[in-house]
Amino acid sequence: QVQLVESGGGLVQAGGSLRLSCAASGRTFSSYVMGWFRQAPGKEREFVARINWSGDSTVYAESVKGRFTISRDNAKNTVYLQMNSLKPEDTAVYYCARGDIMKVADFIHPSDYNYWGQGTQVTVSS
């Protein structure tokens, strides 16, 4: 059973920073694309960033490009999301997800992922 556990969320003022972590169970973590998504109240879950298995290919949503950085440490089975210059509109529950290895996809849609963490709340005050 795959488990993804996010941590690092919290309350921060606009302009501040947070670093989210997602620890994954299993011995084949390095085989999978990993992604971060977020969902604000009343809105659909939206793509934030994704990283390929080796960490040398990343994709970001336009809304976070230049402010957020996704990275991974395969030795620790962990993926990170460094969030800088946070804005109130970044407020949401943030989820990490593991890509479906059977898919040939761009991995920017929730349907490209088949395991999800429970989420961590990020609140940015103005």
Protein backbone atom coordinates (compact mmCIF):
# COMPACT_ATOMS: atom_id res chain seq x y z
CA GLN A 1 0.00 0.00 0.00
CA VAL A 2 1.42 3.35 -1.05
CA GLN A 3 1.24 6.16 1.46
CA LEU A 4 2.02 9.80 0.82
CA VAL A 5 2.27 12.10 3.84
CA GLU A 6 2.53 15.86 3.38
CA SER A 7 3.89 18.26 5.97
CA GLY A 8 5.07 21.85 6.23
CA GLY A 9 1.86 23.76 5.70
CA GLY A 10 0.81 26.64 7.91
CA LEU A 11 -0.09 30.30 8.15
CA VAL A 12 2.26 32.84 6.59
CA GLN A 13 2.06 36.49 5.65
CA ALA A 14 2.05 37.58 2.03
CA GLY A 15 5.59 37.65 0.69
CA GLY A 16 6.70 34.89 3.00
CA SER A 17 7.91 31.38 2.29
CA LEU A 18 7.01 27.82 3.16
CA ARG A 19 8.54 24.47 2.26
CA LEU A 20 6.23 21.53 1.86
CA SER A 21 7.47 17.95 2.10
CA CYS A 22 5.85 14.73 0.96
CA ALA A 23 7.22 11.47 2.29
CA ALA A 24 6.35 8.37 0.31
CA SER A 25 6.33 4.74 1.34
CA GLY A 26 7.61 2.01 -0.93
CA ARG A 27 10.89 0.97 -2.45
CA THR A 28 10.31 2.23 -6.00
CA PHE A 29 9.79 5.93 -5.32
CA SER A 30 12.43 6.89 -7.86
CA SER A 31 10.44 5.25 -10.69
CA TYR A 32 7.55 7.69 -10.55
CA VAL A 33 6.63 11.17 -11.59
CA MET A 34 5.56 13.16 -8.54
CA GLY A 35 3.27 16.14 -8.55
CA TRP A 36 1.83 18.85 -6.34
CA PHE A 37 -1.74 20.06 -6.68
CA ARG A 38 -3.85 22.46 -4.65
CA GLN A 39 -7.51 23.02 -3.98
CA ALA A 40 -9.07 26.18 -2.63
CA PRO A 41 -12.58 26.20 -1.11
CA GLY A 42 -15.22 26.01 -3.81
CA LYS A 43 -12.68 25.44 -6.56
CA GLU A 44 -11.45 22.44 -8.49
CA ARG A 45 -8.14 20.82 -7.72
CA GLU A 46 -5.47 22.48 -9.83
CA PHE A 47 -2.00 21.54 -10.95
CA VAL A 48 0.92 23.29 -9.29
CA ALA A 49 4.10 21.47 -10.31
CA ARG A 50 5.48 18.09 -11.28
CA ILE A 51 8.90 16.48 -11.43
CA ASN A 52 10.13 13.47 -13.37
CA TRP A 53 11.71 10.39 -11.82
CA SER A 54 15.28 11.69 -11.91
CA GLY A 55 14.54 15.26 -10.99
CA ASP A 56 15.94 16.82 -14.15
CA SER A 57 12.60 17.75 -15.68
CA THR A 58 10.06 19.99 -14.00
CA VAL A 59 6.84 21.67 -15.09
CA TYR A 60 5.03 24.49 -13.29
CA ALA A 61 1.67 26.15 -13.50
CA GLU A 62 1.95 29.68 -14.86
CA SER A 63 0.55 31.07 -11.62
CA VAL A 64 3.52 29.79 -9.59
CA LYS A 65 6.34 29.88 -12.12
CA GLY A 66 9.34 31.76 -10.76
CA ARG A 67 8.06 31.57 -7.17
CA PHE A 68 7.75 27.83 -6.46
CA THR A 69 10.38 25.12 -6.88
CA ILE A 70 9.70 21.39 -6.89
CA SER A 71 12.51 18.99 -6.06
CA ARG A 72 13.01 15.44 -4.89
CA ASP A 73 15.41 13.33 -2.89
CA ASN A 74 15.06 9.75 -4.05
CA ALA A 75 17.31 8.48 -1.26
CA LYS A 76 14.78 9.84 1.24
CA ASN A 77 11.65 9.00 -0.77
CA THR A 78 10.63 12.63 -0.45
CA VAL A 79 9.43 15.35 -2.78
CA TYR A 80 9.48 19.01 -1.82
CA LEU A 81 7.74 22.21 -2.82
CA GLN A 82 9.59 25.40 -1.92
CA MET A 83 7.14 28.28 -2.04
CA ASN A 84 8.46 31.83 -2.05
CA SER A 85 6.80 35.22 -2.48
CA LEU A 86 3.51 33.73 -1.35
CA LYS A 87 0.28 35.52 -2.22
CA PRO A 88 -3.17 35.32 -0.61
CA GLU A 89 -4.39 33.55 -3.75
CA ASP A 90 -1.99 30.69 -2.98
CA THR A 91 -4.19 29.79 0.00
CA ALA A 92 -5.38 26.21 -0.47
CA VAL A 93 -4.97 22.64 0.66
CA TYR A 94 -1.86 21.30 -1.05
CA TYR A 95 -1.67 17.67 -2.11
CA CYS A 96 1.19 15.58 -3.36
CA ALA A 97 0.50 12.76 -5.75
CA ARG A 98 2.28 9.87 -7.44
CA GLY A 99 1.98 9.53 -11.18
CA ASP A 100 0.38 6.52 -12.79
CA ILE A 101 3.31 4.59 -14.26
CA MET A 102 1.04 3.06 -16.92
CA LYS A 103 0.23 6.45 -18.43
CA VAL A 104 1.99 8.32 -21.18
CA ALA A 105 0.94 11.80 -20.21
CA ASP A 106 2.07 15.30 -19.40
CA PHE A 107 1.16 14.73 -15.76
CA ILE A 108 -0.54 18.06 -15.28
CA HIS A 109 -4.00 16.59 -14.73
CA PRO A 110 -5.28 14.91 -11.55
CA SER A 111 -6.33 11.91 -13.66
CA ASP A 112 -2.65 11.22 -14.43
CA TYR A 113 -2.05 10.33 -10.77
CA ASN A 114 -3.31 7.35 -8.84
CA TYR A 115 -2.06 7.92 -5.29
CA TRP A 116 -2.68 11.02 -3.20
CA GLY A 117 -1.70 12.33 0.17
CA GLN A 118 -4.16 13.69 2.70
CA GLY A 119 -3.20 17.30 2.05
CA THR A 120 -1.71 20.11 4.08
CA GLN A 121 -3.29 23.53 4.56
CA VAL A 122 -1.45 26.63 3.40
CA THR A 123 -2.94 29.96 4.39
CA VAL A 124 -1.44 33.24 3.21
CA SER A 125 -2.67 36.37 4.96
CA SER A 126 -2.63 39.79 3.32
